[in-house]
């Protein structure tokens, strides 16, 4: 049937430029407390998610790793991402933090490893160009070791990407940015996609901020789906990979029901919407 291409299954994949296949929907674990993470990850995998995203600073890597083991799903059938802390801005510390992550997760390899941000979180917007080039060398060394299948960045704007590309021997494969209906960061997205860098969308529901947006709700009702389902499918149809996060099994399952296609007309309406969650935190270096 026409348009079946867009009926999203959790096992559907995008392809990274190095040939690695990455499941189109990730299960995000940001803000999931350690004591809930093991069960949430287990429930997500049980629901059919095959892409799990965590980070050293989330302080739940160990539990995420346990949830992965509990699932009984073969390691090669899962895609696991973690991130180097934004505060880590030199070569040696980057290599050390990677070892900590691997120990926490207790896995033989990672599918994707990202630099969490171009600046420490306490200094949003500060210039760390030289340090980011140094850290990227460490990422390339980790990639060359075969212990990660792909490397990338997060929260990098066009300037930050250009800076790394100047000295990179292996260019970033992914840029994970804040992205949701009405806040799609067109400059970064366009630049990344023009350079074969896959864009991932964290907070595709604006951490719940767009749930009660009436304009989005009206379109969701037309498809007989929830606002979260519409918001997640919108991201995918733009060729971007969403990372919805949920703790309750019902929400985890609902977010996975993406067996519908948004029409070109409605995609245009959604793409032209102004910010659907204006009170939500915005990364001031982006937009």
Protein backbone atom coordinates (compact mmCIF):
# COMPACT_ATOMS: atom_id res chain seq x y z
CA UNK A 1 0.00 0.00 0.00
CA UNK A 2 1.11 3.53 -0.69
CA UNK A 3 2.84 5.17 2.26
CA UNK A 4 3.54 1.88 4.04
CA UNK A 5 7.14 3.08 4.18
CA UNK A 6 6.18 5.36 7.05
CA UNK A 7 4.40 2.80 9.21
CA UNK A 8 7.05 2.78 11.89
CA UNK A 9 8.04 -0.39 13.71
CA UNK A 10 10.53 -0.37 16.57
CA UNK A 11 12.76 -2.67 14.52
CA UNK A 12 12.87 -0.31 11.50
CA UNK A 13 16.29 1.25 11.05
CA UNK A 14 18.10 4.27 9.68
CA UNK A 15 21.55 3.65 8.26
CA UNK A 16 24.57 5.58 9.54
CA UNK A 17 27.05 6.55 6.81
CA UNK A 18 29.49 3.79 7.89
CA UNK A 19 26.81 1.16 7.21
CA UNK A 20 25.72 0.60 10.82
CA UNK A 21 21.95 0.20 11.13
CA UNK A 22 20.31 2.06 14.00
CA UNK A 23 16.72 1.39 15.16
CA UNK A 24 14.49 4.38 14.28
CA UNK A 25 13.09 4.86 17.78
CA UNK A 26 15.28 4.90 20.89
CA UNK A 27 14.26 4.46 24.50
CA UNK A 28 15.72 7.42 26.39
CA UNK A 29 16.70 7.07 30.06
CA UNK A 30 17.47 10.70 30.95
CA UNK A 31 15.83 11.59 34.29
CA UNK A 32 15.02 7.94 35.03
CA UNK A 33 16.34 7.38 38.57
CA UNK A 34 18.74 4.46 38.99
CA UNK A 35 16.23 2.53 41.10
CA UNK A 36 13.66 2.63 38.26
CA UNK A 37 16.03 2.25 35.30
CA UNK A 38 16.52 -1.52 35.41
CA UNK A 39 12.78 -2.24 35.24
CA UNK A 40 12.08 0.54 32.71
CA UNK A 41 14.75 -0.77 30.33
CA UNK A 42 13.50 -4.33 30.77
CA UNK A 43 9.92 -3.18 30.03
CA UNK A 44 11.06 -1.19 27.00
CA UNK A 45 12.91 -4.17 25.51
CA UNK A 46 9.93 -6.39 26.36
CA UNK A 47 7.70 -3.94 24.45
CA UNK A 48 9.96 -4.22 21.42
CA UNK A 49 12.43 -1.34 21.73
CA UNK A 50 15.84 -2.36 20.44
CA UNK A 51 17.69 0.94 20.93
CA UNK A 52 18.53 2.05 24.48
CA UNK A 53 20.15 5.42 25.23
CA UNK A 54 21.94 6.36 28.46
CA UNK A 55 24.91 8.47 29.64
CA UNK A 56 27.52 8.46 32.37
CA UNK A 57 26.00 11.57 33.97
CA UNK A 58 22.53 9.99 34.19
CA UNK A 59 23.98 7.84 36.99
CA UNK A 60 21.93 4.88 35.82
CA UNK A 61 24.30 3.10 33.42
CA UNK A 62 24.78 0.16 35.77
CA UNK A 63 21.02 -0.40 36.08
CA UNK A 64 20.51 0.10 32.34
CA UNK A 65 23.11 -2.63 31.76
CA UNK A 66 21.28 -4.91 34.19
CA UNK A 67 17.96 -4.24 32.43
CA UNK A 68 19.59 -5.21 29.13
CA UNK A 69 20.88 -8.46 30.64
CA UNK A 70 17.49 -9.22 32.27
CA UNK A 71 15.75 -8.89 28.91
CA UNK A 72 17.18 -12.12 27.56
CA UNK A 73 17.47 -10.49 24.12
CA UNK A 74 20.75 -11.23 22.36
CA UNK A 75 23.30 -8.42 22.60
CA UNK A 76 23.68 -8.24 18.81
CA UNK A 77 19.93 -7.59 18.48
CA UNK A 78 20.16 -4.47 20.65
CA UNK A 79 21.61 -1.02 19.95
CA UNK A 80 23.11 0.68 23.02
CA UNK A 81 24.22 4.32 23.21
CA UNK A 82 26.05 6.14 25.99
CA UNK A 83 27.73 9.51 26.31
CA UNK A 84 30.96 11.08 27.48
CA UNK A 85 30.27 13.75 30.14
CA UNK A 86 30.13 17.33 28.84
CA UNK A 87 32.63 18.33 31.53
CA UNK A 88 35.30 15.98 30.14
CA UNK A 89 37.38 18.11 27.80
CA UNK A 90 40.74 16.39 27.37
CA UNK A 91 42.01 13.29 25.59
CA UNK A 92 43.11 11.18 28.58
CA UNK A 93 40.04 11.86 30.71
CA UNK A 94 37.82 10.97 27.75
CA UNK A 95 39.50 7.57 27.45
CA UNK A 96 39.13 7.02 31.22
CA UNK A 97 35.45 7.97 31.26
CA UNK A 98 34.78 5.57 28.40
CA UNK A 99 36.28 2.75 30.51
CA UNK A 100 34.00 3.74 33.41
CA UNK A 101 30.96 3.58 31.14
CA UNK A 102 31.93 0.14 29.82
CA UNK A 103 32.45 -1.11 33.37
CA UNK A 104 29.10 0.31 34.48
CA UNK A 105 27.17 -1.20 31.58
CA UNK A 106 29.14 -4.46 31.76
CA UNK A 107 28.97 -4.88 27.99
CA UNK A 108 31.67 -5.97 25.54
CA UNK A 109 30.96 -3.11 23.15
CA UNK A 110 28.80 -0.03 22.61
CA UNK A 111 26.90 0.66 19.41
CA UNK A 112 27.16 4.44 19.68
CA UNK A 113 29.21 6.77 21.88
CA UNK A 114 28.58 10.52 21.93
CA UNK A 115 30.23 13.64 23.35
CA UNK A 116 27.39 14.87 25.56
CA UNK A 117 27.84 18.59 24.86
CA UNK A 118 30.39 21.01 23.39
CA UNK A 119 30.77 22.79 26.75
CA UNK A 120 30.38 21.84 30.42
CA UNK A 121 26.74 22.23 31.50
CA UNK A 122 27.69 24.97 33.93
CA UNK A 123 29.17 27.00 31.06
CA UNK A 124 26.62 26.73 28.24
CA UNK A 125 27.91 28.65 25.23
CA UNK A 126 31.56 28.86 26.36
CA UNK A 127 34.14 28.18 23.66
CA UNK A 128 35.85 24.80 23.93
CA UNK A 129 36.82 24.45 20.26
CA UNK A 130 40.38 23.28 20.87
CA UNK A 131 39.33 20.90 23.66
CA UNK A 132 36.56 19.40 21.51
CA UNK A 133 39.08 18.63 18.78
CA UNK A 134 41.26 16.93 21.40
CA UNK A 135 38.34 14.92 22.76
CA UNK A 136 37.30 13.95 19.23
CA UNK A 137 40.76 12.39 18.76
CA UNK A 138 39.98 10.22 21.79
CA UNK A 139 36.61 9.30 20.25
CA UNK A 140 38.40 8.28 17.05
CA UNK A 141 40.82 6.12 19.05
CA UNK A 142 37.89 4.42 20.82
CA UNK A 143 36.18 3.88 17.45
CA UNK A 144 39.37 2.42 15.95
CA UNK A 145 39.54 -0.07 18.86
CA UNK A 146 36.32 -1.69 17.62
CA UNK A 147 34.68 -1.33 21.04
CA UNK A 148 32.15 1.13 19.64
CA UNK A 149 30.38 0.73 16.29
CA UNK A 150 29.74 4.45 15.78
CA UNK A 151 30.73 7.81 17.31
CA UNK A 152 29.04 11.17 17.40
CA UNK A 153 28.14 14.26 19.36
CA UNK A 154 25.20 15.82 21.19
CA UNK A 155 24.07 19.44 21.58
CA UNK A 156 26.55 20.53 18.90
CA UNK A 157 25.43 23.47 16.76
CA UNK A 158 26.74 24.26 13.26
CA UNK A 159 29.85 26.02 14.57
CA UNK A 160 30.68 23.10 16.89
CA UNK A 161 30.26 20.59 14.05
CA UNK A 162 32.40 22.65 11.69
CA UNK A 163 35.10 22.89 14.35
CA UNK A 164 35.32 19.10 14.79
CA UNK A 165 35.14 18.48 11.04
CA UNK A 166 38.23 20.68 10.54
CA UNK A 167 40.52 18.12 12.21
CA UNK A 168 38.45 14.92 12.18
CA UNK A 169 39.80 11.84 10.46
CA UNK A 170 36.43 10.18 11.06
CA UNK A 171 33.54 12.60 10.93
CA UNK A 172 30.75 12.45 13.52
CA UNK A 173 28.01 9.99 12.57
CA UNK A 174 25.25 11.38 14.81
CA UNK A 175 24.26 14.70 16.42
CA UNK A 176 21.69 14.28 19.18
CA UNK A 177 19.90 17.59 19.74
CA UNK A 178 16.80 19.04 21.33
CA UNK A 179 14.08 18.63 18.70
CA UNK A 180 10.30 18.59 18.83
CA UNK A 181 7.27 20.03 17.00
CA UNK A 182 7.87 23.78 16.71
CA UNK A 183 11.54 23.48 17.72
CA UNK A 184 13.24 21.52 14.96
CA UNK A 185 16.56 23.41 14.90
CA UNK A 186 16.53 23.79 11.09
CA UNK A 187 20.06 25.23 10.79
CA UNK A 188 21.70 22.36 12.67
CA UNK A 189 19.46 19.72 11.08
CA UNK A 190 20.11 20.97 7.55
CA UNK A 191 23.89 21.18 8.10
CA UNK A 192 24.07 17.76 9.75
CA UNK A 193 21.98 16.03 7.09
CA UNK A 194 24.02 17.69 4.31
CA UNK A 195 27.12 16.09 5.89
CA UNK A 196 25.54 12.62 6.29
CA UNK A 197 25.29 13.11 10.06
CA UNK A 198 22.13 11.47 11.43
CA UNK A 199 20.12 13.79 13.68
CA UNK A 200 18.62 12.32 16.85
CA UNK A 201 15.87 14.12 18.75
CA UNK A 202 16.04 14.14 22.52
CA UNK A 203 12.93 15.35 24.34
CA UNK A 204 10.68 14.78 21.28
CA UNK A 205 7.73 15.44 23.63
CA UNK A 206 9.49 18.53 25.09
CA UNK A 207 9.68 16.51 28.33
CA UNK A 208 5.88 16.45 28.28
CA UNK A 209 5.63 20.17 27.53
CA UNK A 210 3.74 19.78 24.26
CA UNK A 211 1.25 17.18 25.53
CA UNK A 212 -1.52 19.75 26.07
CA UNK A 213 -0.88 21.84 22.96
CA UNK A 214 -4.29 22.23 21.34
CA UNK A 215 -3.01 22.61 17.77
CA UNK A 216 -1.05 19.37 18.00
CA UNK A 217 -3.99 17.66 19.74
CA UNK A 218 -6.32 18.58 16.87
CA UNK A 219 -4.07 16.82 14.35
CA UNK A 220 -3.56 13.81 16.65
CA UNK A 221 -7.34 13.38 16.98
CA UNK A 222 -7.63 13.28 13.19
CA UNK A 223 -5.45 10.12 13.18
CA UNK A 224 -7.04 8.73 16.33
CA UNK A 225 -3.65 8.71 18.07
CA UNK A 226 -2.22 10.34 21.19
CA UNK A 227 -0.20 13.56 21.09
CA UNK A 228 2.99 11.66 22.07
CA UNK A 229 2.42 9.15 19.24
CA UNK A 230 1.93 11.97 16.73
CA UNK A 231 4.97 13.88 18.04
CA UNK A 232 7.22 10.80 17.77
CA UNK A 233 6.01 9.85 14.29
CA UNK A 234 6.47 13.48 13.16
CA UNK A 235 10.16 13.29 14.09
CA UNK A 236 10.65 10.00 12.21
CA UNK A 237 8.95 11.27 9.05
CA UNK A 238 11.43 14.18 9.06
CA UNK A 239 14.24 11.59 8.89
CA UNK A 240 15.23 12.23 12.51
CA UNK A 241 15.51 9.63 15.27
CA UNK A 242 13.38 10.27 18.40
CA UNK A 243 14.31 9.26 21.96
CA UNK A 244 11.05 9.20 23.92
CA UNK A 245 11.48 8.50 27.63
CA UNK A 246 8.89 6.91 29.90
CA UNK A 247 8.94 5.06 33.20
CA UNK A 248 5.45 3.52 33.33
CA UNK A 249 4.94 0.45 31.19
CA UNK A 250 1.66 1.80 29.76
CA UNK A 251 3.43 4.93 28.47
CA UNK A 252 6.37 2.88 27.17
CA UNK A 253 3.90 0.75 25.19
CA UNK A 254 1.80 3.70 23.97
CA UNK A 255 4.85 5.54 22.65
CA UNK A 256 5.65 2.49 20.52
CA UNK A 257 2.32 2.45 18.63
CA UNK A 258 3.36 4.21 15.43
CA UNK A 259 1.43 2.30 12.76
CA UNK A 260 0.05 5.35 10.98
CA UNK A 261 1.32 7.89 8.48
CA UNK A 262 1.01 11.66 8.83
CA UNK A 263 -0.05 13.22 5.51
CA UNK A 264 2.28 15.58 3.66
CA UNK A 265 -0.18 18.40 4.35
CA UNK A 266 -0.23 17.77 8.10
CA UNK A 267 3.56 17.38 8.16
CA UNK A 268 3.80 20.81 6.59
CA UNK A 269 1.44 22.25 9.21
CA UNK A 270 3.46 20.65 12.02
CA UNK A 271 6.76 21.77 10.51
CA UNK A 272 5.51 25.35 10.33
CA UNK A 273 4.18 25.51 13.88
CA UNK A 274 5.73 27.94 16.30
CA UNK A 275 7.22 26.50 19.49
CA UNK A 276 4.68 24.05 20.94
CA UNK A 277 6.30 24.12 24.40
CA UNK A 278 7.60 27.68 24.86
CA UNK A 279 8.06 27.29 28.63
CA UNK A 280 10.26 24.19 28.16
CA UNK A 281 14.03 24.53 28.73
CA UNK A 282 15.78 25.64 25.56
CA UNK A 283 19.42 25.25 24.76
CA UNK A 284 20.39 28.88 24.24
CA UNK A 285 23.21 28.05 21.82
CA UNK A 286 20.82 26.37 19.41
CA UNK A 287 17.53 27.11 17.71
